[in-house]
Amino acid sequence: WTKGKSCDTFGPIGPWLVTRDELGDPQNLAMSCEVNGKRM
């Protein structure tokens, strides 16, 4: 799969690193992605 995952610019990271003490439980975090304003 690495072939389709490693292209230049295919790994945006951030904007912040939130330390583990501030984040707390990593197993209950809501996630979302919109494309052109439409929730995908």
PDB file of all heavy atoms in Angstrom:
ATOM      1  N   TRP A   1       0.821  -1.204   0.000  1.00  0.00           N
ATOM      2  CA  TRP A   1       0.000   0.000   0.000  1.00  0.00           C
ATOM      3  C   TRP A   1       0.858   1.259   0.000  1.00  0.00           C
ATOM      4  O   TRP A   1       0.403   2.323  -0.403  1.00  0.00           O
ATOM      5  CB  TRP A   1      -0.879   0.025   1.246  1.00  0.00           C
ATOM      6  CG  TRP A   1      -1.991  -0.959   1.254  1.00  0.00           C
ATOM      7  CD1 TRP A   1      -2.286  -1.884   0.288  1.00  0.00           C
ATOM      8  CD2 TRP A   1      -2.975  -1.119   2.269  1.00  0.00           C
ATOM      9  NE1 TRP A   1      -3.380  -2.601   0.651  1.00  0.00           N
ATOM     10  CE2 TRP A   1      -3.829  -2.158   1.866  1.00  0.00           C
ATOM     11  CE3 TRP A   1      -3.200  -0.482   3.485  1.00  0.00           C
ATOM     12  CZ2 TRP A   1      -4.908  -2.577   2.645  1.00  0.00           C
ATOM     13  CZ3 TRP A   1      -4.268  -0.889   4.261  1.00  0.00           C
ATOM     14  CH2 TRP A   1      -5.121  -1.936   3.844  1.00  0.00           C
ATOM     15  N   THR A   2       2.093   1.129   0.457  1.00  0.00           N
ATOM     16  CA  THR A   2       2.989   2.276   0.579  1.00  0.00           C
ATOM     17  C   THR A   2       3.066   3.075  -0.717  1.00  0.00           C
ATOM     18  O   THR A   2       3.231   4.299  -0.691  1.00  0.00           O
ATOM     19  CB  THR A   2       4.399   1.793   0.992  1.00  0.00           C
ATOM     20  OG1 THR A   2       4.297   1.170   2.271  1.00  0.00           O
ATOM     21  CG2 THR A   2       5.393   2.937   1.057  1.00  0.00           C
ATOM     22  N   LYS A   3       2.926   2.414  -1.864  1.00  0.00           N
ATOM     23  CA  LYS A   3       3.014   3.109  -3.149  1.00  0.00           C
ATOM     24  C   LYS A   3       1.968   4.213  -3.264  1.00  0.00           C
ATOM     25  O   LYS A   3       2.227   5.258  -3.851  1.00  0.00           O
ATOM     26  CB  LYS A   3       2.837   2.117  -4.300  1.00  0.00           C
ATOM     27  CG  LYS A   3       4.004   1.171  -4.493  1.00  0.00           C
ATOM     28  CD  LYS A   3       3.758   0.281  -5.712  1.00  0.00           C
ATOM     29  CE  LYS A   3       4.925  -0.655  -5.962  1.00  0.00           C
ATOM     30  NZ  LYS A   3       4.701  -1.499  -7.176  1.00  0.00           N
ATOM     31  N   GLY A   4       0.770   3.960  -2.768  1.00  0.00           N
ATOM     32  CA  GLY A   4      -0.300   4.945  -2.881  1.00  0.00           C
ATOM     33  C   GLY A   4      -0.410   5.876  -1.702  1.00  0.00           C
ATOM     34  O   GLY A   4      -1.280   6.761  -1.671  1.00  0.00           O
ATOM     35  N   LYS A   5       0.464   5.704  -0.724  1.00  0.00           N
ATOM     36  CA  LYS A   5       0.387   6.475   0.513  1.00  0.00           C
ATOM     37  C   LYS A   5       1.515   7.488   0.668  1.00  0.00           C
ATOM     38  O   LYS A   5       1.424   8.377   1.520  1.00  0.00           O
ATOM     39  CB  LYS A   5       0.429   5.515   1.716  1.00  0.00           C
ATOM     40  CG  LYS A   5      -0.694   4.495   1.765  1.00  0.00           C
ATOM     41  CD  LYS A   5      -2.003   5.123   2.205  1.00  0.00           C
ATOM     42  CE  LYS A   5      -3.067   4.081   2.483  1.00  0.00           C
ATOM     43  NZ  LYS A   5      -4.265   4.670   3.129  1.00  0.00           N
ATOM     44  N   SER A   6       2.566   7.348  -0.129  1.00  0.00           N
ATOM     45  CA  SER A   6       3.814   8.060   0.143  1.00  0.00           C
ATOM     46  C   SER A   6       4.106   9.222  -0.783  1.00  0.00           C
ATOM     47  O   SER A   6       5.189   9.800  -0.726  1.00  0.00           O
ATOM     48  CB  SER A   6       4.983   7.070   0.079  1.00  0.00           C
ATOM     49  OG  SER A   6       4.899   6.148   1.136  1.00  0.00           O
ATOM     50  N   CYS A   7       3.158   9.572  -1.654  1.00  0.00           N
ATOM     51  CA  CYS A   7       3.408  10.662  -2.590  1.00  0.00           C
ATOM     52  C   CYS A   7       3.712  11.948  -1.823  1.00  0.00           C
ATOM     53  O   CYS A   7       3.230  12.155  -0.702  1.00  0.00           O
ATOM     54  CB  CYS A   7       2.195  10.879  -3.492  1.00  0.00           C
ATOM     55  SG  CYS A   7       1.668   9.385  -4.367  1.00  0.00           S
ATOM     56  N   ASP A   8       4.512  12.803  -2.423  1.00  0.00           N
ATOM     57  CA  ASP A   8       4.821  14.098  -1.812  1.00  0.00           C
ATOM     58  C   ASP A   8       3.523  14.807  -1.427  1.00  0.00           C
ATOM     59  O   ASP A   8       2.564  14.831  -2.204  1.00  0.00           O
ATOM     60  CB  ASP A   8       5.609  14.976  -2.777  1.00  0.00           C
ATOM     61  CG  ASP A   8       6.991  14.431  -3.085  1.00  0.00           C
ATOM     62  OD1 ASP A   8       7.429  13.494  -2.398  1.00  0.00           O
ATOM     63  OD2 ASP A   8       7.624  14.950  -4.028  1.00  0.00           O
ATOM     64  N   THR A   9       3.495  15.384  -0.249  1.00  0.00           N
ATOM     65  CA  THR A   9       2.378  16.160   0.334  1.00  0.00           C
ATOM     66  C   THR A   9       1.230  15.292   0.835  1.00  0.00           C
ATOM     67  O   THR A   9       0.213  15.842   1.279  1.00  0.00           O
ATOM     68  CB  THR A   9       1.803  17.232  -0.636  1.00  0.00           C
ATOM     69  OG1 THR A   9       0.983  16.604  -1.648  1.00  0.00           O
ATOM     70  CG2 THR A   9       2.904  18.047  -1.287  1.00  0.00           C
ATOM     71  N   PHE A  10       1.359  13.975   0.810  1.00  0.00           N
ATOM     72  CA  PHE A  10       0.248  13.105   1.212  1.00  0.00           C
ATOM     73  C   PHE A  10       0.217  12.832   2.721  1.00  0.00           C
ATOM     74  O   PHE A  10      -0.492  11.936   3.162  1.00  0.00           O
ATOM     75  CB  PHE A  10       0.303  11.783   0.435  1.00  0.00           C
ATOM     76  CG  PHE A  10      -0.412  11.821  -0.896  1.00  0.00           C
ATOM     77  CD1 PHE A  10      -0.586  13.008  -1.582  1.00  0.00           C
ATOM     78  CD2 PHE A  10      -0.916  10.658  -1.465  1.00  0.00           C
ATOM     79  CE1 PHE A  10      -1.247  13.047  -2.803  1.00  0.00           C
ATOM     80  CE2 PHE A  10      -1.589  10.684  -2.681  1.00  0.00           C
ATOM     81  CZ  PHE A  10      -1.751  11.874  -3.358  1.00  0.00           C
ATOM     82  N   GLY A  11       0.953  13.643   3.513  1.00  0.00           N
ATOM     83  CA  GLY A  11       0.958  13.436   4.960  1.00  0.00           C
ATOM     84  C   GLY A  11       0.850  14.708   5.767  1.00  0.00           C
ATOM     85  O   GLY A  11       1.744  14.999   6.586  1.00  0.00           O
ATOM     86  N   PRO A  12      -0.233  15.489   5.617  1.00  0.00           N
ATOM     87  CA  PRO A  12      -0.400  16.658   6.497  1.00  0.00           C
ATOM     88  C   PRO A  12      -0.499  16.237   7.966  1.00  0.00           C
ATOM     89  O   PRO A  12      -1.272  15.336   8.311  1.00  0.00           O
ATOM     90  CB  PRO A  12      -1.722  17.278   6.010  1.00  0.00           C
ATOM     91  CG  PRO A  12      -1.893  16.770   4.606  1.00  0.00           C
ATOM     92  CD  PRO A  12      -1.314  15.385   4.628  1.00  0.00           C
ATOM     93  N   ILE A  13       0.279  16.907   8.820  1.00  0.00           N
ATOM     94  CA  ILE A  13       0.327  16.592  10.260  1.00  0.00           C
ATOM     95  C   ILE A  13       0.171  17.886  11.055  1.00  0.00           C
ATOM     96  O   ILE A  13       0.859  18.865  10.795  1.00  0.00           O
ATOM     97  CB  ILE A  13       1.669  15.925  10.615  1.00  0.00           C
ATOM     98  CG1 ILE A  13       1.785  14.543   9.973  1.00  0.00           C
ATOM     99  CG2 ILE A  13       1.831  15.809  12.122  1.00  0.00           C
ATOM    100  CD1 ILE A  13       3.088  13.851  10.294  1.00  0.00           C
ATOM    101  N   GLY A  14      -0.718  17.866  12.034  1.00  0.00           N
ATOM    102  CA  GLY A  14      -0.872  19.035  12.905  1.00  0.00           C
ATOM    103  C   GLY A  14      -2.289  19.579  12.850  1.00  0.00           C
ATOM    104  O   GLY A  14      -3.218  18.871  12.466  1.00  0.00           O
ATOM    105  N   PRO A  15      -2.497  20.836  13.251  1.00  0.00           N
ATOM    106  CA  PRO A  15      -1.498  21.892  13.432  1.00  0.00           C
ATOM    107  C   PRO A  15      -0.716  21.810  14.741  1.00  0.00           C
ATOM    108  O   PRO A  15       0.350  22.409  14.862  1.00  0.00           O
ATOM    109  CB  PRO A  15      -2.349  23.164  13.406  1.00  0.00           C
ATOM    110  CG  PRO A  15      -3.673  22.730  13.971  1.00  0.00           C
ATOM    111  CD  PRO A  15      -3.876  21.333  13.464  1.00  0.00           C
ATOM    112  N   TRP A  16      -1.288  21.102  15.726  1.00  0.00           N
ATOM    113  CA  TRP A  16      -0.665  21.056  17.046  1.00  0.00           C
ATOM    114  C   TRP A  16      -0.356  19.618  17.425  1.00  0.00           C
ATOM    115  O   TRP A  16      -0.969  18.670  16.952  1.00  0.00           O
ATOM    116  CB  TRP A  16      -1.601  21.613  18.127  1.00  0.00           C
ATOM    117  CG  TRP A  16      -2.263  22.894  17.811  1.00  0.00           C
ATOM    118  CD1 TRP A  16      -1.689  23.998  17.243  1.00  0.00           C
ATOM    119  CD2 TRP A  16      -3.640  23.224  18.026  1.00  0.00           C
ATOM    120  NE1 TRP A  16      -2.610  25.000  17.118  1.00  0.00           N
ATOM    121  CE2 TRP A  16      -3.832  24.559  17.589  1.00  0.00           C
ATOM    122  CE3 TRP A  16      -4.713  22.545  18.566  1.00  0.00           C
ATOM    123  CZ2 TRP A  16      -5.061  25.196  17.664  1.00  0.00           C
ATOM    124  CZ3 TRP A  16      -5.953  23.177  18.639  1.00  0.00           C
ATOM    125  CH2 TRP A  16      -6.105  24.495  18.187  1.00  0.00           C
ATOM    126  N   LEU A  17       0.590  19.478  18.337  1.00  0.00           N
ATOM    127  CA  LEU A  17       0.777  18.251  19.088  1.00  0.00           C
ATOM    128  C   LEU A  17       0.212  18.523  20.482  1.00  0.00           C
ATOM    129  O   LEU A  17       0.718  19.394  21.188  1.00  0.00           O
ATOM    130  CB  LEU A  17       2.255  17.880  19.168  1.00  0.00           C
ATOM    131  CG  LEU A  17       2.596  16.560  19.877  1.00  0.00           C
ATOM    132  CD1 LEU A  17       3.883  15.983  19.316  1.00  0.00           C
ATOM    133  CD2 LEU A  17       2.723  16.726  21.389  1.00  0.00           C
ATOM    134  N   VAL A  18      -0.851  17.823  20.832  1.00  0.00           N
ATOM    135  CA  VAL A  18      -1.479  17.991  22.141  1.00  0.00           C
ATOM    136  C   VAL A  18      -0.942  16.890  23.053  1.00  0.00           C
ATOM    137  O   VAL A  18      -1.072  15.697  22.753  1.00  0.00           O
ATOM    138  CB  VAL A  18      -3.017  17.914  22.038  1.00  0.00           C
ATOM    139  CG1 VAL A  18      -3.652  18.044  23.429  1.00  0.00           C
ATOM    140  CG2 VAL A  18      -3.541  19.011  21.117  1.00  0.00           C
ATOM    141  N   THR A  19      -0.296  17.287  24.141  1.00  0.00           N
ATOM    142  CA  THR A  19       0.353  16.318  25.023  1.00  0.00           C
ATOM    143  C   THR A  19      -0.677  15.382  25.647  1.00  0.00           C
ATOM    144  O   THR A  19      -1.846  15.729  25.812  1.00  0.00           O
ATOM    145  CB  THR A  19       1.166  17.020  26.110  1.00  0.00           C
ATOM    146  OG1 THR A  19       0.330  17.974  26.787  1.00  0.00           O
ATOM    147  CG2 THR A  19       2.371  17.731  25.500  1.00  0.00           C
ATOM    148  N   ARG A  20      -0.210  14.193  25.984  1.00  0.00           N
ATOM    149  CA  ARG A  20      -1.138  13.143  26.417  1.00  0.00           C
ATOM    150  C   ARG A  20      -1.889  13.520  27.686  1.00  0.00           C
ATOM    151  O   ARG A  20      -3.039  13.133  27.877  1.00  0.00           O
ATOM    152  CB  ARG A  20      -0.419  11.810  26.583  1.00  0.00           C
ATOM    153  CG  ARG A  20       0.507  11.681  27.778  1.00  0.00           C
ATOM    154  CD  ARG A  20       0.982  10.231  27.936  1.00  0.00           C
ATOM    155  NE  ARG A  20       1.704  10.036  29.171  1.00  0.00           N
ATOM    156  CZ  ARG A  20       3.023  10.061  29.267  1.00  0.00           C
ATOM    157  NH1 ARG A  20       3.770  10.272  28.192  1.00  0.00           N
ATOM    158  NH2 ARG A  20       3.612   9.865  30.443  1.00  0.00           N
ATOM    159  N   ASP A  21      -1.258  14.303  28.578  1.00  0.00           N
ATOM    160  CA  ASP A  21      -1.940  14.700  29.801  1.00  0.00           C
ATOM    161  C   ASP A  21      -3.101  15.633  29.501  1.00  0.00           C
ATOM    162  O   ASP A  21      -4.137  15.586  30.189  1.00  0.00           O
ATOM    163  CB  ASP A  21      -0.956  15.356  30.782  1.00  0.00           C
ATOM    164  CG  ASP A  21      -0.299  16.609  30.211  1.00  0.00           C
ATOM    165  OD1 ASP A  21       0.033  16.601  29.015  1.00  0.00           O
ATOM    166  OD2 ASP A  21      -0.122  17.593  30.956  1.00  0.00           O
ATOM    167  N   GLU A  22      -2.962  16.474  28.473  1.00  0.00           N
ATOM    168  CA  GLU A  22      -4.049  17.392  28.132  1.00  0.00           C
ATOM    169  C   GLU A  22      -5.158  16.703  27.361  1.00  0.00           C
ATOM    170  O   GLU A  22      -6.339  17.009  27.546  1.00  0.00           O
ATOM    171  CB  GLU A  22      -3.509  18.574  27.318  1.00  0.00           C
ATOM    172  CG  GLU A  22      -4.596  19.565  26.921  1.00  0.00           C
ATOM    173  CD  GLU A  22      -4.064  20.948  26.618  1.00  0.00           C
ATOM    174  OE1 GLU A  22      -2.987  21.306  27.133  1.00  0.00           O
ATOM    175  OE2 GLU A  22      -4.734  21.681  25.883  1.00  0.00           O
ATOM    176  N   LEU A  23      -4.805  15.770  26.493  1.00  0.00           N
ATOM    177  CA  LEU A  23      -5.839  15.109  25.690  1.00  0.00           C
ATOM    178  C   LEU A  23      -6.666  14.126  26.497  1.00  0.00           C
ATOM    179  O   LEU A  23      -7.880  14.054  26.346  1.00  0.00           O
ATOM    180  CB  LEU A  23      -5.208  14.394  24.498  1.00  0.00           C
ATOM    181  CG  LEU A  23      -6.256  13.742  23.597  1.00  0.00           C
ATOM    182  CD1 LEU A  23      -6.213  14.310  22.195  1.00  0.00           C
ATOM    183  CD2 LEU A  23      -6.104  12.226  23.557  1.00  0.00           C
ATOM    184  N   GLY A  24      -6.017  13.354  27.368  1.00  0.00           N
ATOM    185  CA  GLY A  24      -6.755  12.350  28.129  1.00  0.00           C
ATOM    186  C   GLY A  24      -6.973  11.087  27.318  1.00  0.00           C
ATOM    187  O   GLY A  24      -6.072  10.610  26.629  1.00  0.00           O
ATOM    188  N   ASP A  25      -8.185  10.550  27.360  1.00  0.00           N
ATOM    189  CA  ASP A  25      -8.513   9.274  26.729  1.00  0.00           C
ATOM    190  C   ASP A  25      -8.517   9.414  25.207  1.00  0.00           C
ATOM    191  O   ASP A  25      -9.330  10.152  24.651  1.00  0.00           O
ATOM    192  CB  ASP A  25      -9.889   8.814  27.216  1.00  0.00           C
ATOM    193  CG  ASP A  25     -10.298   7.467  26.629  1.00  0.00           C
ATOM    194  OD1 ASP A  25      -9.455   6.789  26.010  1.00  0.00           O
ATOM    195  OD2 ASP A  25     -11.480   7.097  26.795  1.00  0.00           O
ATOM    196  N   PRO A  26      -7.635   8.688  24.503  1.00  0.00           N
ATOM    197  CA  PRO A  26      -7.638   8.794  23.040  1.00  0.00           C
ATOM    198  C   PRO A  26      -8.726   7.966  22.373  1.00  0.00           C
ATOM    199  O   PRO A  26      -8.854   8.008  21.147  1.00  0.00           O
ATOM    200  CB  PRO A  26      -6.247   8.274  22.664  1.00  0.00           C
ATOM    201  CG  PRO A  26      -5.929   7.270  23.715  1.00  0.00           C
ATOM    202  CD  PRO A  26      -6.536   7.822  24.985  1.00  0.00           C
ATOM    203  N   GLN A  27      -9.498   7.222  23.162  1.00  0.00           N
ATOM    204  CA  GLN A  27     -10.485   6.304  22.573  1.00  0.00           C
ATOM    205  C   GLN A  27     -11.911   6.841  22.622  1.00  0.00           C
ATOM    206  O   GLN A  27     -12.863   6.069  22.544  1.00  0.00           O
ATOM    207  CB  GLN A  27     -10.416   4.950  23.271  1.00  0.00           C
ATOM    208  CG  GLN A  27      -9.079   4.257  23.147  1.00  0.00           C
ATOM    209  CD  GLN A  27      -8.599   4.053  21.708  1.00  0.00           C
ATOM    210  OE1 GLN A  27      -7.402   4.020  21.457  1.00  0.00           O
ATOM    211  NE2 GLN A  27      -9.514   3.934  20.754  1.00  0.00           N
ATOM    212  N   ASN A  28     -12.047   8.162  22.700  1.00  0.00           N
ATOM    213  CA  ASN A  28     -13.399   8.738  22.641  1.00  0.00           C
ATOM    214  C   ASN A  28     -13.330  10.135  22.045  1.00  0.00           C
ATOM    215  O   ASN A  28     -13.722  11.119  22.669  1.00  0.00           O
ATOM    216  CB  ASN A  28     -14.038   8.769  24.025  1.00  0.00           C
ATOM    217  CG  ASN A  28     -15.502   9.152  23.967  1.00  0.00           C
ATOM    218  OD1 ASN A  28     -16.183   8.926  22.960  1.00  0.00           O
ATOM    219  ND2 ASN A  28     -16.002   9.731  25.039  1.00  0.00           N
ATOM    220  N   LEU A  29     -12.818  10.209  20.819  1.00  0.00           N
ATOM    221  CA  LEU A  29     -12.634  11.484  20.135  1.00  0.00           C
ATOM    222  C   LEU A  29     -13.451  11.509  18.851  1.00  0.00           C
ATOM    223  O   LEU A  29     -13.295  10.638  17.991  1.00  0.00           O
ATOM    224  CB  LEU A  29     -11.151  11.697  19.793  1.00  0.00           C
ATOM    225  CG  LEU A  29     -10.163  11.684  20.963  1.00  0.00           C
ATOM    226  CD1 LEU A  29      -8.737  11.722  20.433  1.00  0.00           C
ATOM    227  CD2 LEU A  29     -10.425  12.845  21.908  1.00  0.00           C
ATOM    228  N   ALA A  30     -14.321  12.503  18.715  1.00  0.00           N
ATOM    229  CA  ALA A  30     -15.089  12.671  17.479  1.00  0.00           C
ATOM    230  C   ALA A  30     -14.163  13.135  16.364  1.00  0.00           C
ATOM    231  O   ALA A  30     -13.256  13.947  16.587  1.00  0.00           O
ATOM    232  CB  ALA A  30     -16.221  13.665  17.681  1.00  0.00           C
ATOM    233  N   MET A  31     -14.410  12.633  15.150  1.00  0.00           N
ATOM    234  CA  MET A  31     -13.565  12.921  13.991  1.00  0.00           C
ATOM    235  C   MET A  31     -14.454  13.290  12.813  1.00  0.00           C
ATOM    236  O   MET A  31     -15.557  12.757  12.666  1.00  0.00           O
ATOM    237  CB  MET A  31     -12.736  11.681  13.603  1.00  0.00           C
ATOM    238  CG  MET A  31     -12.094  10.958  14.747  1.00  0.00           C
ATOM    239  SD  MET A  31     -11.469   9.310  14.271  1.00  0.00           S
ATOM    240  CE  MET A  31     -10.106   9.757  13.206  1.00  0.00           C
ATOM    241  N   SER A  32     -13.967  14.187  11.962  1.00  0.00           N
ATOM    242  CA  SER A  32     -14.756  14.533  10.777  1.00  0.00           C
ATOM    243  C   SER A  32     -13.843  14.987   9.648  1.00  0.00           C
ATOM    244  O   SER A  32     -12.726  15.454   9.871  1.00  0.00           O
ATOM    245  CB  SER A  32     -15.777  15.630  11.087  1.00  0.00           C
ATOM    246  OG  SER A  32     -15.130  16.859  11.359  1.00  0.00           O
ATOM    247  N   CYS A  33     -14.361  14.842   8.417  1.00  0.00           N
ATOM    248  CA  CYS A  33     -13.686  15.370   7.231  1.00  0.00           C
ATOM    249  C   CYS A  33     -14.755  15.889   6.283  1.00  0.00           C
ATOM    250  O   CYS A  33     -15.737  15.189   5.998  1.00  0.00           O
ATOM    251  CB  CYS A  33     -12.852  14.284   6.553  1.00  0.00           C
ATOM    252  SG  CYS A  33     -12.092  14.829   4.998  1.00  0.00           S
ATOM    253  N   GLU A  34     -14.569  17.116   5.833  1.00  0.00           N
ATOM    254  CA  GLU A  34     -15.445  17.705   4.829  1.00  0.00           C
ATOM    255  C   GLU A  34     -14.645  17.969   3.556  1.00  0.00           C
ATOM    256  O   GLU A  34     -13.468  18.319   3.622  1.00  0.00           O
ATOM    257  CB  GLU A  34     -16.051  19.017   5.338  1.00  0.00           C
ATOM    258  CG  GLU A  34     -16.959  18.832   6.539  1.00  0.00           C
ATOM    259  CD  GLU A  34     -17.638  20.122   6.976  1.00  0.00           C
ATOM    260  OE1 GLU A  34     -17.327  21.181   6.378  1.00  0.00           O
ATOM    261  OE2 GLU A  34     -18.464  20.070   7.901  1.00  0.00           O
ATOM    262  N   VAL A  35     -15.297  17.788   2.429  1.00  0.00           N
ATOM    263  CA  VAL A  35     -14.696  18.112   1.136  1.00  0.00           C
ATOM    264  C   VAL A  35     -15.606  19.119   0.447  1.00  0.00           C
ATOM    265  O   VAL A  35     -16.796  18.845   0.239  1.00  0.00           O
ATOM    266  CB  VAL A  35     -14.502  16.858   0.266  1.00  0.00           C
ATOM    267  CG1 VAL A  35     -13.886  17.233  -1.093  1.00  0.00           C
ATOM    268  CG2 VAL A  35     -13.617  15.836   0.979  1.00  0.00           C
ATOM    269  N   ASN A  36     -15.076  20.291   0.170  1.00  0.00           N
ATOM    270  CA  ASN A  36     -15.855  21.378  -0.434  1.00  0.00           C
ATOM    271  C   ASN A  36     -17.095  21.703   0.390  1.00  0.00           C
ATOM    272  O   ASN A  36     -18.168  21.987  -0.145  1.00  0.00           O
ATOM    273  CB  ASN A  36     -16.238  21.030  -1.873  1.00  0.00           C
ATOM    274  CG  ASN A  36     -15.024  20.801  -2.751  1.00  0.00           C
ATOM    275  OD1 ASN A  36     -13.983  21.407  -2.547  1.00  0.00           O
ATOM    276  ND2 ASN A  36     -15.157  19.906  -3.724  1.00  0.00           N
ATOM    277  N   GLY A  37     -16.952  21.643   1.717  1.00  0.00           N
ATOM    278  CA  GLY A  37     -18.035  21.998   2.618  1.00  0.00           C
ATOM    279  C   GLY A  37     -19.045  20.903   2.861  1.00  0.00           C
ATOM    280  O   GLY A  37     -19.978  21.085   3.656  1.00  0.00           O
ATOM    281  N   LYS A  38     -18.896  19.753   2.233  1.00  0.00           N
ATOM    282  CA  LYS A  38     -19.827  18.640   2.417  1.00  0.00           C
ATOM    283  C   LYS A  38     -19.205  17.605   3.347  1.00  0.00           C
ATOM    284  O   LYS A  38     -18.079  17.160   3.129  1.00  0.00           O
ATOM    285  CB  LYS A  38     -20.157  17.988   1.075  1.00  0.00           C
ATOM    286  CG  LYS A  38     -21.122  16.803   1.187  1.00  0.00           C
ATOM    287  CD  LYS A  38     -21.428  16.206  -0.179  1.00  0.00           C
ATOM    288  CE  LYS A  38     -22.372  15.014  -0.056  1.00  0.00           C
ATOM    289  NZ  LYS A  38     -22.670  14.405  -1.382  1.00  0.00           N
ATOM    290  N   ARG A  39     -19.948  17.247   4.380  1.00  0.00           N
ATOM    291  CA  ARG A  39     -19.427  16.265   5.328  1.00  0.00           C
ATOM    292  C   ARG A  39     -19.320  14.898   4.645  1.00  0.00           C
ATOM    293  O   ARG A  39     -20.302  14.351   4.156  1.00  0.00           O
ATOM    294  CB  ARG A  39     -20.348  16.167   6.550  1.00  0.00           C
ATOM    295  CG  ARG A  39     -19.942  15.108   7.580  1.00  0.00           C
ATOM    296  CD  ARG A  39     -18.632  15.429   8.273  1.00  0.00           C
ATOM    297  NE  ARG A  39     -18.729  16.602   9.109  1.00  0.00           N
ATOM    298  CZ  ARG A  39     -19.118  16.587  10.386  1.00  0.00           C
ATOM    299  NH1 ARG A  39     -19.447  15.445  10.977  1.00  0.00           N
ATOM    300  NH2 ARG A  39     -19.179  17.712  11.077  1.00  0.00           N
ATOM    301  N   MET A  40     -18.113  14.361   4.657  1.00  0.00           N
ATOM    302  CA  MET A  40     -17.866  13.058   4.057  1.00  0.00           C
ATOM    303  C   MET A  40     -17.597  11.990   5.116  1.00  0.00           C
ATOM    304  O   MET A  40     -18.035  10.859   4.985  1.00  0.00           O
ATOM    305  CB  MET A  40     -16.677  13.140   3.090  1.00  0.00           C
ATOM    306  CG  MET A  40     -16.817  14.202   2.005  1.00  0.00           C
ATOM    307  SD  MET A  40     -18.310  14.036   0.996  1.00  0.00           S
ATOM    308  CE  MET A  40     -17.949  12.528   0.106  1.00  0.00           C
TER     309      MET A  40
END
